[in-house]
Amino acid sequence: HGWDDWFGIFLGILIALAPWIVEAVAHYPADANAAIAGLIVMDLAEADLVNFRRWIEVCQLIFGVWVAASPFIFDYAASGTLRILHIIAGIAVAALSILELRQSSKDVV
């Protein structure tokens, strides 16, 4: 475990800052959701970097799906760049967590 945790940290930062990066700061619930979800993804990736735990990966999977679904939940699915960025970053977080869960299950066997 290494590059994927650092990439998870990067994705968390990207998710949190996305509304400001794409200058789409106008939809308060979506902005607050991005900041909170991004910080949680980043914190989970940092925790996983220090000490791998399956529950951390499961939480990352849940938050990855949450971020990918957020444009539809918070009604900014028509917002172009922010929508695309959150869907791709959320899918990437979920995919990384699935990859790590699969790797850890192979290590156990």
C-alpha atoms as a PDB file:
ATOM      1  CA  HIS A   1       0.000   0.000   0.000  1.00  0.00           C
ATOM      2  CA  GLY A   2       1.523   3.286  -1.022  1.00  0.00           C
ATOM      3  CA  TRP A   3       0.844   4.973  -4.343  1.00  0.00           C
ATOM      4  CA  ASP A   4      -2.875   4.247  -4.115  1.00  0.00           C
ATOM      5  CA  ASP A   5      -3.130   5.875  -0.677  1.00  0.00           C
ATOM      6  CA  TRP A   6      -1.264   8.969  -1.894  1.00  0.00           C
ATOM      7  CA  PHE A   7      -3.539   9.063  -4.924  1.00  0.00           C
ATOM      8  CA  GLY A   8      -6.529   8.800  -2.557  1.00  0.00           C
ATOM      9  CA  ILE A   9      -5.208  11.799  -0.611  1.00  0.00           C
ATOM     10  CA  PHE A  10      -4.873  13.730  -3.876  1.00  0.00           C
ATOM     11  CA  LEU A  11      -8.423  12.761  -4.894  1.00  0.00           C
ATOM     12  CA  GLY A  12      -9.760  13.902  -1.518  1.00  0.00           C
ATOM     13  CA  ILE A  13      -8.115  17.290  -1.949  1.00  0.00           C
ATOM     14  CA  LEU A  14      -9.398  17.515  -5.525  1.00  0.00           C
ATOM     15  CA  ILE A  15     -12.956  16.655  -4.456  1.00  0.00           C
ATOM     16  CA  ALA A  16     -12.873  19.217  -1.635  1.00  0.00           C
ATOM     17  CA  LEU A  17     -11.516  22.019  -3.793  1.00  0.00           C
ATOM     18  CA  ALA A  18     -13.379  21.161  -7.024  1.00  0.00           C
ATOM     19  CA  PRO A  19     -16.093  23.850  -6.712  1.00  0.00           C
ATOM     20  CA  TRP A  20     -13.407  26.510  -6.369  1.00  0.00           C
ATOM     21  CA  ILE A  21     -11.112  24.993  -9.023  1.00  0.00           C
ATOM     22  CA  VAL A  22     -13.853  25.063 -11.667  1.00  0.00           C
ATOM     23  CA  GLU A  23     -15.291  28.304 -10.275  1.00  0.00           C
ATOM     24  CA  ALA A  24     -18.693  26.761  -9.638  1.00  0.00           C
ATOM     25  CA  VAL A  25     -19.072  28.077  -6.095  1.00  0.00           C
ATOM     26  CA  ALA A  26     -22.704  29.091  -5.951  1.00  0.00           C
ATOM     27  CA  HIS A  27     -24.654  26.069  -4.825  1.00  0.00           C
ATOM     28  CA  TYR A  28     -24.055  26.013  -1.063  1.00  0.00           C
ATOM     29  CA  PRO A  29     -25.179  22.426  -0.292  1.00  0.00           C
ATOM     30  CA  ALA A  30     -23.022  21.078  -3.130  1.00  0.00           C
ATOM     31  CA  ASP A  31     -20.025  23.172  -2.037  1.00  0.00           C
ATOM     32  CA  ALA A  32     -20.360  22.072   1.591  1.00  0.00           C
ATOM     33  CA  ASN A  33     -20.794  18.456   0.507  1.00  0.00           C
ATOM     34  CA  ALA A  34     -17.680  18.640  -1.667  1.00  0.00           C
ATOM     35  CA  ALA A  35     -15.594  20.110   1.154  1.00  0.00           C
ATOM     36  CA  ILE A  36     -16.789  17.618   3.775  1.00  0.00           C
ATOM     37  CA  ALA A  37     -16.689  14.527   1.538  1.00  0.00           C
ATOM     38  CA  GLY A  38     -13.271  15.503   0.149  1.00  0.00           C
ATOM     39  CA  LEU A  39     -11.811  15.962   3.621  1.00  0.00           C
ATOM     40  CA  ILE A  40     -13.233  12.614   4.747  1.00  0.00           C
ATOM     41  CA  VAL A  41     -11.811  10.836   1.663  1.00  0.00           C
ATOM     42  CA  MET A  42      -8.439  12.491   2.318  1.00  0.00           C
ATOM     43  CA  ASP A  43      -8.485  11.552   6.023  1.00  0.00           C
ATOM     44  CA  LEU A  44      -9.437   7.952   5.249  1.00  0.00           C
ATOM     45  CA  ALA A  45      -6.621   7.673   2.703  1.00  0.00           C
ATOM     46  CA  GLU A  46      -4.163   9.097   5.249  1.00  0.00           C
ATOM     47  CA  ALA A  47      -5.376   6.635   7.891  1.00  0.00           C
ATOM     48  CA  ASP A  48      -4.962   3.789   5.402  1.00  0.00           C
ATOM     49  CA  LEU A  49      -1.441   4.976   4.599  1.00  0.00           C
ATOM     50  CA  VAL A  50      -0.503   4.704   8.275  1.00  0.00           C
ATOM     51  CA  ASN A  51      -2.278   1.434   9.068  1.00  0.00           C
ATOM     52  CA  PHE A  52      -4.371  -0.598   6.617  1.00  0.00           C
ATOM     53  CA  ARG A  53      -7.780  -1.627   7.905  1.00  0.00           C
ATOM     54  CA  ARG A  54     -10.567  -3.160   5.841  1.00  0.00           C
ATOM     55  CA  TRP A  55     -13.177  -0.849   7.400  1.00  0.00           C
ATOM     56  CA  ILE A  56     -11.234   2.156   6.068  1.00  0.00           C
ATOM     57  CA  GLU A  57     -11.448   0.772   2.537  1.00  0.00           C
ATOM     58  CA  VAL A  58     -15.167   0.051   2.938  1.00  0.00           C
ATOM     59  CA  CYS A  59     -15.695   3.657   4.089  1.00  0.00           C
ATOM     60  CA  GLN A  60     -13.691   4.923   1.114  1.00  0.00           C
ATOM     61  CA  LEU A  61     -15.865   2.841  -1.186  1.00  0.00           C
ATOM     62  CA  ILE A  62     -19.009   4.325   0.366  1.00  0.00           C
ATOM     63  CA  PHE A  63     -17.701   7.895   0.098  1.00  0.00           C
ATOM     64  CA  GLY A  64     -16.515   7.317  -3.474  1.00  0.00           C
ATOM     65  CA  VAL A  65     -20.006   6.239  -4.464  1.00  0.00           C
ATOM     66  CA  TRP A  66     -21.438   9.188  -2.497  1.00  0.00           C
ATOM     67  CA  VAL A  67     -19.226  11.696  -4.335  1.00  0.00           C
ATOM     68  CA  ALA A  68     -20.090  10.170  -7.725  1.00  0.00           C
ATOM     69  CA  ALA A  69     -23.807  10.354  -6.883  1.00  0.00           C
ATOM     70  CA  SER A  70     -23.630  13.845  -5.335  1.00  0.00           C
ATOM     71  CA  PRO A  71     -24.388  15.766  -8.565  1.00  0.00           C
ATOM     72  CA  PHE A  72     -27.730  13.976  -8.720  1.00  0.00           C
ATOM     73  CA  ILE A  73     -28.438  14.163  -4.973  1.00  0.00           C
ATOM     74  CA  PHE A  74     -27.650  17.887  -4.694  1.00  0.00           C
ATOM     75  CA  ASP A  75     -29.106  18.796  -8.089  1.00  0.00           C
ATOM     76  CA  TYR A  76     -26.022  20.047  -9.880  1.00  0.00           C
ATOM     77  CA  ALA A  77     -26.024  17.264 -12.450  1.00  0.00           C
ATOM     78  CA  ALA A  78     -26.352  19.879 -15.201  1.00  0.00           C
ATOM     79  CA  SER A  79     -23.344  21.873 -13.917  1.00  0.00           C
ATOM     80  CA  GLY A  80     -20.875  20.665 -16.491  1.00  0.00           C
ATOM     81  CA  THR A  81     -17.310  20.533 -15.249  1.00  0.00           C
ATOM     82  CA  LEU A  82     -18.043  20.174 -11.530  1.00  0.00           C
ATOM     83  CA  ARG A  83     -20.437  17.309 -12.215  1.00  0.00           C
ATOM     84  CA  ILE A  84     -17.909  15.517 -14.405  1.00  0.00           C
ATOM     85  CA  LEU A  85     -15.080  16.078 -11.935  1.00  0.00           C
ATOM     86  CA  HIS A  86     -17.084  14.705  -9.012  1.00  0.00           C
ATOM     87  CA  ILE A  87     -18.355  11.689 -10.936  1.00  0.00           C
ATOM     88  CA  ILE A  88     -14.866  10.762 -12.163  1.00  0.00           C
ATOM     89  CA  ALA A  89     -13.172  11.419  -8.797  1.00  0.00           C
ATOM     90  CA  GLY A  90     -15.876   9.474  -6.933  1.00  0.00           C
ATOM     91  CA  ILE A  91     -15.539   6.512  -9.269  1.00  0.00           C
ATOM     92  CA  ALA A  92     -11.739   6.674  -8.897  1.00  0.00           C
ATOM     93  CA  VAL A  93     -11.993   6.624  -5.082  1.00  0.00           C
ATOM     94  CA  ALA A  94     -14.401   3.676  -5.208  1.00  0.00           C
ATOM     95  CA  ALA A  95     -12.188   1.821  -7.702  1.00  0.00           C
ATOM     96  CA  LEU A  96      -9.080   2.372  -5.564  1.00  0.00           C
ATOM     97  CA  SER A  97     -10.858   1.020  -2.505  1.00  0.00           C
ATOM     98  CA  ILE A  98     -12.050  -2.046  -4.415  1.00  0.00           C
ATOM     99  CA  LEU A  99      -8.488  -2.592  -5.679  1.00  0.00           C
ATOM    100  CA  GLU A 100      -7.083  -2.409  -2.154  1.00  0.00           C
ATOM    101  CA  LEU A 101      -9.802  -4.689  -0.767  1.00  0.00           C
ATOM    102  CA  ARG A 102      -9.028  -7.243  -3.466  1.00  0.00           C
ATOM    103  CA  GLN A 103      -5.292  -6.989  -2.812  1.00  0.00           C
ATOM    104  CA  SER A 104      -5.781  -7.427   0.923  1.00  0.00           C
ATOM    105  CA  SER A 105      -7.976 -10.486   0.449  1.00  0.00           C
ATOM    106  CA  LYS A 106      -5.256 -12.052  -1.745  1.00  0.00           C
ATOM    107  CA  ASP A 107      -2.666 -11.294   0.945  1.00  0.00           C
ATOM    108  CA  VAL A 108      -4.754 -13.159   3.534  1.00  0.00           C
ATOM    109  CA  VAL A 109      -5.153 -16.317   1.429  1.00  0.00           C
END
